[in-house]
Amino acid sequence: MFRPSEKDFGTSKEFFKGFDPGNFSFAHNFRRHGGMKYYVLWLLSQKNLRGSEIIETVQRQTMGWWRPSPGTIYPLLNTLLKDGLVKKEHDLRYSLTPAGAEEIGLKPGETKTSSTENWDIDKILTEIEGYISYLEDEQGNLKDHRERIMELTERLSKLKLE
């Protein structure tokens, strides 16, 4: 049986120190290994957010699977402030600085790009196909949403395709 070694992952033993696959906690390991820093910087590259909005965004993007605590987000934001990667605006929202943009690999001027910017019809249809596939997987949970799905179906059928 093949068992990958640390060489196969290009990592060191330090990365896996204290990692117990029998008691895996994604959120804990994500924070511990710095993932939350880059996730928050990426969120702020999309738009300025308050700490509470970051918490809500993470919860929404993980479909309720994970809601980071204020004890995770606000100390992280303070560290990012001290490191000059973000700044706090007068409306209490945090914004990405040029150094923060560079930290996540954005070019100058790319700090405020939207994930929906430059979308074309093909990208939108690909997204819709993905959501339809998800709904097909969740057919048993759709009966409470029947009316809304029927309304969307009707709207799509009325699109002029000429």
Protein backbone atom coordinates (compact mmCIF):
# COMPACT_ATOMS: atom_id res chain seq x y z
CA MET A 1 0.00 0.00 0.00
CA PHE A 2 1.33 3.44 -0.96
CA ARG A 3 1.78 5.79 1.99
CA PRO A 4 2.84 9.30 1.05
CA SER A 5 5.74 10.80 2.94
CA GLU A 6 6.38 14.45 3.73
CA LYS A 7 8.53 14.56 0.56
CA ASP A 8 5.44 13.77 -1.51
CA PHE A 9 3.72 16.89 -0.17
CA GLY A 10 6.76 19.14 -0.19
CA THR A 11 6.15 19.93 3.46
CA SER A 12 7.99 19.49 6.69
CA LYS A 13 7.11 17.54 9.80
CA GLU A 14 6.45 20.88 11.50
CA PHE A 15 3.36 21.39 9.32
CA PHE A 16 1.83 18.14 10.57
CA LYS A 17 2.95 18.50 14.19
CA GLY A 18 -0.08 18.09 16.42
CA PHE A 19 -2.29 17.06 13.51
CA ASP A 20 -4.59 14.22 14.49
CA PRO A 21 -6.64 12.98 11.54
CA GLY A 22 -8.95 11.17 13.96
CA ASN A 23 -9.89 14.49 15.55
CA PHE A 24 -9.69 16.78 12.52
CA SER A 25 -10.90 20.32 12.96
CA PHE A 26 -10.76 22.18 9.67
CA ALA A 27 -11.34 25.62 11.19
CA HIS A 28 -8.63 25.11 13.82
CA ASN A 29 -6.04 23.90 11.31
CA PHE A 30 -7.03 26.57 8.79
CA ARG A 31 -6.43 29.32 11.35
CA ARG A 32 -3.35 27.69 12.80
CA HIS A 33 -1.62 27.50 9.44
CA GLY A 34 -2.45 31.07 8.39
CA GLY A 35 -5.25 30.32 5.96
CA MET A 36 -7.62 32.78 7.59
CA LYS A 37 -5.20 35.66 7.01
CA TYR A 38 -5.21 35.12 3.26
CA TYR A 39 -8.93 34.43 3.13
CA VAL A 40 -9.70 37.73 4.90
CA LEU A 41 -7.28 39.62 2.65
CA TRP A 42 -8.97 38.07 -0.38
CA LEU A 43 -12.43 39.05 0.93
CA LEU A 44 -11.21 42.61 1.42
CA SER A 45 -9.88 42.65 -2.14
CA GLN A 46 -13.50 42.21 -3.24
CA LYS A 47 -14.93 45.04 -1.11
CA ASN A 48 -14.48 46.84 2.19
CA LEU A 49 -16.09 44.99 5.11
CA ARG A 50 -16.67 45.36 8.84
CA GLY A 51 -15.49 42.51 11.06
CA SER A 52 -19.08 41.35 11.55
CA GLU A 53 -19.58 41.34 7.78
CA ILE A 54 -16.49 39.16 7.38
CA ILE A 55 -17.96 36.67 9.86
CA GLU A 56 -21.29 36.64 8.00
CA THR A 57 -19.57 36.32 4.61
CA VAL A 58 -17.54 33.32 5.72
CA GLN A 59 -20.68 31.69 7.11
CA ARG A 60 -22.58 32.37 3.87
CA GLN A 61 -19.73 31.18 1.62
CA THR A 62 -19.40 27.95 3.60
CA MET A 63 -23.20 27.47 3.46
CA GLY A 64 -23.41 27.64 7.24
CA TRP A 65 -20.74 25.03 7.81
CA TRP A 66 -18.39 27.44 9.54
CA ARG A 67 -18.94 30.73 11.35
CA PRO A 68 -15.68 32.15 12.67
CA SER A 69 -15.94 33.72 16.09
CA PRO A 70 -15.23 37.37 16.86
CA GLY A 71 -12.27 35.99 18.84
CA THR A 72 -10.82 34.79 15.55
CA ILE A 73 -11.65 37.71 13.26
CA TYR A 74 -10.95 40.81 15.36
CA PRO A 75 -7.49 39.80 16.64
CA LEU A 76 -6.61 38.87 13.05
CA LEU A 77 -7.82 42.26 11.79
CA ASN A 78 -5.73 44.00 14.48
CA THR A 79 -2.66 42.06 13.34
CA LEU A 80 -3.36 42.92 9.71
CA LEU A 81 -3.71 46.59 10.73
CA LYS A 82 -0.38 46.54 12.61
CA ASP A 83 1.30 44.82 9.65
CA GLY A 84 0.00 47.51 7.29
CA LEU A 85 -1.95 45.03 5.17
CA VAL A 86 -5.34 46.63 5.87
CA LYS A 87 -6.59 49.97 7.10
CA LYS A 88 -9.74 50.91 9.00
CA GLU A 89 -11.95 53.43 7.23
CA HIS A 90 -14.12 56.09 8.88
CA ASP A 91 -17.21 53.87 8.39
CA LEU A 92 -15.47 51.13 10.46
CA ARG A 93 -14.96 48.95 7.39
CA TYR A 94 -11.56 47.48 6.68
CA SER A 95 -9.92 48.01 3.31
CA LEU A 96 -6.97 46.37 1.66
CA THR A 97 -3.76 48.42 1.40
CA PRO A 98 -1.34 48.10 -1.52
CA ALA A 99 0.87 45.97 0.76
CA GLY A 100 -2.13 43.73 1.50
CA ALA A 101 -2.85 43.40 -2.20
CA GLU A 102 0.76 42.46 -2.84
CA GLU A 103 0.60 39.90 -0.01
CA ILE A 104 -2.09 37.98 -1.89
CA GLY A 105 -0.48 38.43 -5.29
CA LEU A 106 -2.62 41.18 -6.77
CA LYS A 107 -1.09 43.70 -9.13
CA PRO A 108 -1.34 47.44 -8.38
CA GLY A 109 -4.86 48.63 -9.14
CA GLU A 110 -6.37 45.16 -8.76
CA THR A 111 -7.35 45.62 -5.12
CA LYS A 112 -11.03 46.30 -5.73
CA THR A 113 -11.89 43.76 -8.40
CA SER A 114 -15.19 42.06 -8.08
CA SER A 115 -15.59 38.35 -8.62
CA THR A 116 -18.47 39.17 -10.99
CA GLU A 117 -16.53 41.82 -12.93
CA ASN A 118 -15.98 41.01 -16.59
CA TRP A 119 -18.52 38.20 -16.57
CA ASP A 120 -19.85 37.18 -19.91
CA ILE A 121 -22.84 35.06 -20.86
CA ASP A 122 -20.72 31.89 -21.03
CA LYS A 123 -19.44 32.36 -17.46
CA ILE A 124 -22.95 33.03 -16.18
CA LEU A 125 -24.36 29.94 -17.91
CA THR A 126 -21.53 27.83 -16.46
CA GLU A 127 -22.45 29.10 -12.98
CA ILE A 128 -26.12 28.30 -13.57
CA GLU A 129 -25.19 24.77 -14.72
CA GLY A 130 -23.24 24.29 -11.51
CA TYR A 131 -26.19 25.39 -9.39
CA ILE A 132 -28.56 23.15 -11.31
CA SER A 133 -26.23 20.19 -10.68
CA TYR A 134 -26.27 21.03 -6.98
CA LEU A 135 -30.07 21.20 -6.96
CA GLU A 136 -30.23 17.84 -8.75
CA ASP A 137 -28.12 16.37 -5.94
CA GLU A 138 -30.46 17.92 -3.36
CA GLN A 139 -33.79 16.91 -4.93
CA GLY A 140 -35.08 15.47 -1.69
CA ASN A 141 -34.78 18.87 0.01
CA LEU A 142 -36.49 20.99 -2.64
CA LYS A 143 -40.21 20.59 -1.91
CA ASP A 144 -40.31 23.67 0.37
CA HIS A 145 -38.86 25.72 -2.52
CA ARG A 146 -41.12 24.40 -5.28
CA GLU A 147 -42.94 27.70 -5.94
CA ARG A 148 -39.73 29.71 -6.26
CA ILE A 149 -38.13 27.12 -8.54
CA MET A 150 -41.25 27.19 -10.75
CA GLU A 151 -41.08 31.01 -10.93
CA LEU A 152 -37.41 30.85 -11.97
CA THR A 153 -38.19 28.18 -14.56
CA GLU A 154 -40.92 30.39 -16.01
CA ARG A 155 -38.60 33.43 -16.15
CA LEU A 156 -35.92 31.40 -17.92
CA SER A 157 -38.43 30.05 -20.43
CA LYS A 158 -39.51 33.63 -21.29
CA LEU A 159 -35.99 34.72 -22.30
CA LYS A 160 -35.91 35.72 -25.94
CA LEU A 161 -33.38 33.44 -27.58
CA GLU A 162 -33.72 34.83 -31.12
